[in-house]
Amino acid sequence: MALWPSLRGPWRLAFGLLVLKALGQIGVGIAPEAGWAAMPAYRILYLHLMLLGFVSLGLVAAARGVWGEVATRGRAFFAAAVGLVLFSLLTLTPAWPAAWGGAWVTGFVAGCALGPVLAAAWMAVAPPTPPSSTPS
């Protein structure tokens, strides 16, 4: 992968999630009869890997590149919140052990879904911090 070494920060995370999505797509292409592709829980996770993972994190990385640090000062919280949402969606899949499930899962997933919204809202409305000036 010649592209990987040149990626920095949020681009690396976004690209990594795109690779996961592509691996899932390859898996369905190789074995179209795979039962997991028809399960709604996996389809939801797959969709979120691409749209929330790659597209949203890619937009934040692009905004940082265009408008600078001040435009994306909540990007670490946003990336962590996206990771938490993706993890929470695993709890809805058959890959999550049934013994670890329960009524708490839906509340957990719904609560985690607020994270990226709050982080994006913070990036949109927080006042910019002035650059620190060093006395000369």
Protein backbone atom coordinates (compact mmCIF):
# COMPACT_ATOMS: atom_id res chain seq x y z
CA MET A 1 0.00 0.00 0.00
CA ALA A 2 1.91 3.03 -1.23
CA LEU A 3 -0.89 5.36 -0.09
CA TRP A 4 -0.84 4.31 3.58
CA PRO A 5 2.54 5.86 4.57
CA SER A 6 1.54 9.23 3.14
CA LEU A 7 -1.71 9.40 5.13
CA ARG A 8 -1.70 11.35 8.38
CA GLY A 9 -4.03 11.57 11.37
CA PRO A 10 -7.74 11.48 10.60
CA TRP A 11 -7.15 10.43 6.99
CA ARG A 12 -5.54 7.22 8.21
CA LEU A 13 -8.57 6.34 10.35
CA ALA A 14 -11.02 7.18 7.55
CA PHE A 15 -9.05 5.15 5.02
CA GLY A 16 -8.80 2.21 7.43
CA LEU A 17 -12.58 2.13 7.79
CA LEU A 18 -12.94 2.27 4.01
CA VAL A 19 -10.62 -0.75 3.76
CA LEU A 20 -12.84 -2.64 6.25
CA LYS A 21 -15.89 -1.79 4.16
CA ALA A 22 -14.11 -2.93 0.99
CA LEU A 23 -13.12 -6.23 2.62
CA GLY A 24 -16.77 -6.83 3.45
CA GLN A 25 -17.74 -6.07 -0.13
CA ILE A 26 -15.06 -8.45 -1.43
CA GLY A 27 -16.34 -11.12 0.94
CA VAL A 28 -19.84 -10.82 -0.45
CA GLY A 29 -18.47 -10.86 -4.00
CA ILE A 30 -16.48 -14.03 -3.42
CA ALA A 31 -19.23 -15.84 -1.54
CA PRO A 32 -22.56 -14.26 -2.57
CA GLU A 33 -24.45 -17.00 -0.77
CA ALA A 34 -22.93 -15.87 2.54
CA GLY A 35 -25.76 -15.57 5.01
CA TRP A 36 -24.27 -12.63 6.87
CA ALA A 37 -24.82 -10.28 3.92
CA ALA A 38 -28.57 -10.71 4.22
CA MET A 39 -28.72 -10.05 7.97
CA PRO A 40 -29.96 -6.52 8.73
CA ALA A 41 -27.58 -6.09 11.68
CA TYR A 42 -24.53 -6.64 9.47
CA ARG A 43 -25.95 -4.44 6.74
CA ILE A 44 -26.40 -1.62 9.25
CA LEU A 45 -22.82 -2.03 10.46
CA TYR A 46 -21.56 -2.16 6.87
CA LEU A 47 -23.45 1.02 5.96
CA HIS A 48 -22.11 2.84 9.01
CA LEU A 49 -18.53 1.77 8.27
CA MET A 50 -18.80 3.55 4.96
CA LEU A 51 -20.96 6.59 5.69
CA LEU A 52 -20.17 7.40 9.31
CA GLY A 53 -16.68 5.95 9.28
CA PHE A 54 -15.17 6.87 5.94
CA VAL A 55 -17.34 9.73 4.66
CA SER A 56 -17.83 11.66 7.91
CA LEU A 57 -14.25 11.25 9.11
CA GLY A 58 -13.03 12.06 5.61
CA LEU A 59 -15.03 15.28 5.63
CA VAL A 60 -13.54 16.27 8.98
CA ALA A 61 -10.04 15.48 7.70
CA ALA A 62 -10.69 17.52 4.55
CA ALA A 63 -12.05 20.43 6.60
CA ARG A 64 -8.89 20.38 8.68
CA GLY A 65 -6.78 20.45 5.54
CA VAL A 66 -8.72 23.36 4.02
CA TRP A 67 -9.68 25.50 7.02
CA GLY A 68 -7.04 24.48 9.52
CA GLU A 69 -6.98 23.31 13.09
CA VAL A 70 -9.47 25.86 14.37
CA ALA A 71 -12.29 24.48 12.19
CA THR A 72 -11.93 20.95 13.56
CA ARG A 73 -10.92 21.42 17.18
CA GLY A 74 -13.32 18.63 18.28
CA ARG A 75 -12.07 16.07 15.77
CA ALA A 76 -10.54 13.72 18.36
CA PHE A 77 -13.85 13.55 20.24
CA PHE A 78 -15.65 13.08 16.92
CA ALA A 79 -13.35 10.22 15.89
CA ALA A 80 -13.72 8.55 19.30
CA ALA A 81 -17.50 8.94 19.12
CA VAL A 82 -17.57 7.39 15.64
CA GLY A 83 -15.47 4.48 16.91
CA LEU A 84 -17.86 4.01 19.83
CA VAL A 85 -20.88 4.00 17.52
CA LEU A 86 -19.25 1.40 15.27
CA PHE A 87 -18.40 -0.72 18.30
CA SER A 88 -21.93 -0.36 19.67
CA LEU A 89 -23.35 -1.63 16.38
CA LEU A 90 -21.37 -4.84 16.87
CA THR A 91 -23.58 -5.54 19.90
CA LEU A 92 -26.55 -5.86 17.52
CA THR A 93 -24.90 -8.51 15.34
CA PRO A 94 -24.74 -12.27 15.81
CA ALA A 95 -20.97 -11.85 16.24
CA TRP A 96 -21.67 -10.46 19.72
CA PRO A 97 -22.03 -13.29 22.24
CA ALA A 98 -25.68 -13.79 23.18
CA ALA A 99 -24.74 -14.17 26.85
CA TRP A 100 -23.40 -10.59 26.82
CA GLY A 101 -26.61 -9.19 25.29
CA GLY A 102 -29.76 -8.04 26.95
CA ALA A 103 -32.15 -5.16 27.21
CA TRP A 104 -29.26 -2.75 27.79
CA VAL A 105 -28.00 -3.13 24.21
CA THR A 106 -30.59 -0.91 22.50
CA GLY A 107 -30.15 1.85 25.08
CA PHE A 108 -26.38 1.60 24.72
CA VAL A 109 -26.55 1.88 20.92
CA ALA A 110 -28.99 4.81 21.11
CA GLY A 111 -26.82 6.61 23.66
CA CYS A 112 -23.68 6.09 21.60
CA ALA A 113 -25.42 7.55 18.55
CA LEU A 114 -25.51 10.93 20.30
CA GLY A 115 -21.71 11.16 20.45
CA PRO A 116 -20.97 12.11 16.83
CA VAL A 117 -23.91 14.53 16.81
CA LEU A 118 -22.63 16.31 19.91
CA ALA A 119 -19.07 16.41 18.60
CA ALA A 120 -20.19 17.80 15.24
CA ALA A 121 -22.35 20.39 17.01
CA TRP A 122 -19.34 21.41 19.11
CA MET A 123 -17.21 21.85 15.98
CA ALA A 124 -19.96 23.94 14.38
CA VAL A 125 -20.76 26.32 17.23
CA ALA A 126 -17.76 26.52 19.55
CA PRO A 127 -16.01 29.87 19.41
CA PRO A 128 -12.58 29.72 17.81
CA THR A 129 -9.69 29.86 20.21
CA PRO A 130 -7.32 32.69 19.42
CA PRO A 131 -3.77 31.65 18.55
CA SER A 132 -1.47 31.95 21.52
CA SER A 133 0.91 34.81 21.20
CA THR A 134 4.39 34.57 22.59
CA PRO A 135 5.87 37.74 24.00
CA SER A 136 8.93 38.93 22.15
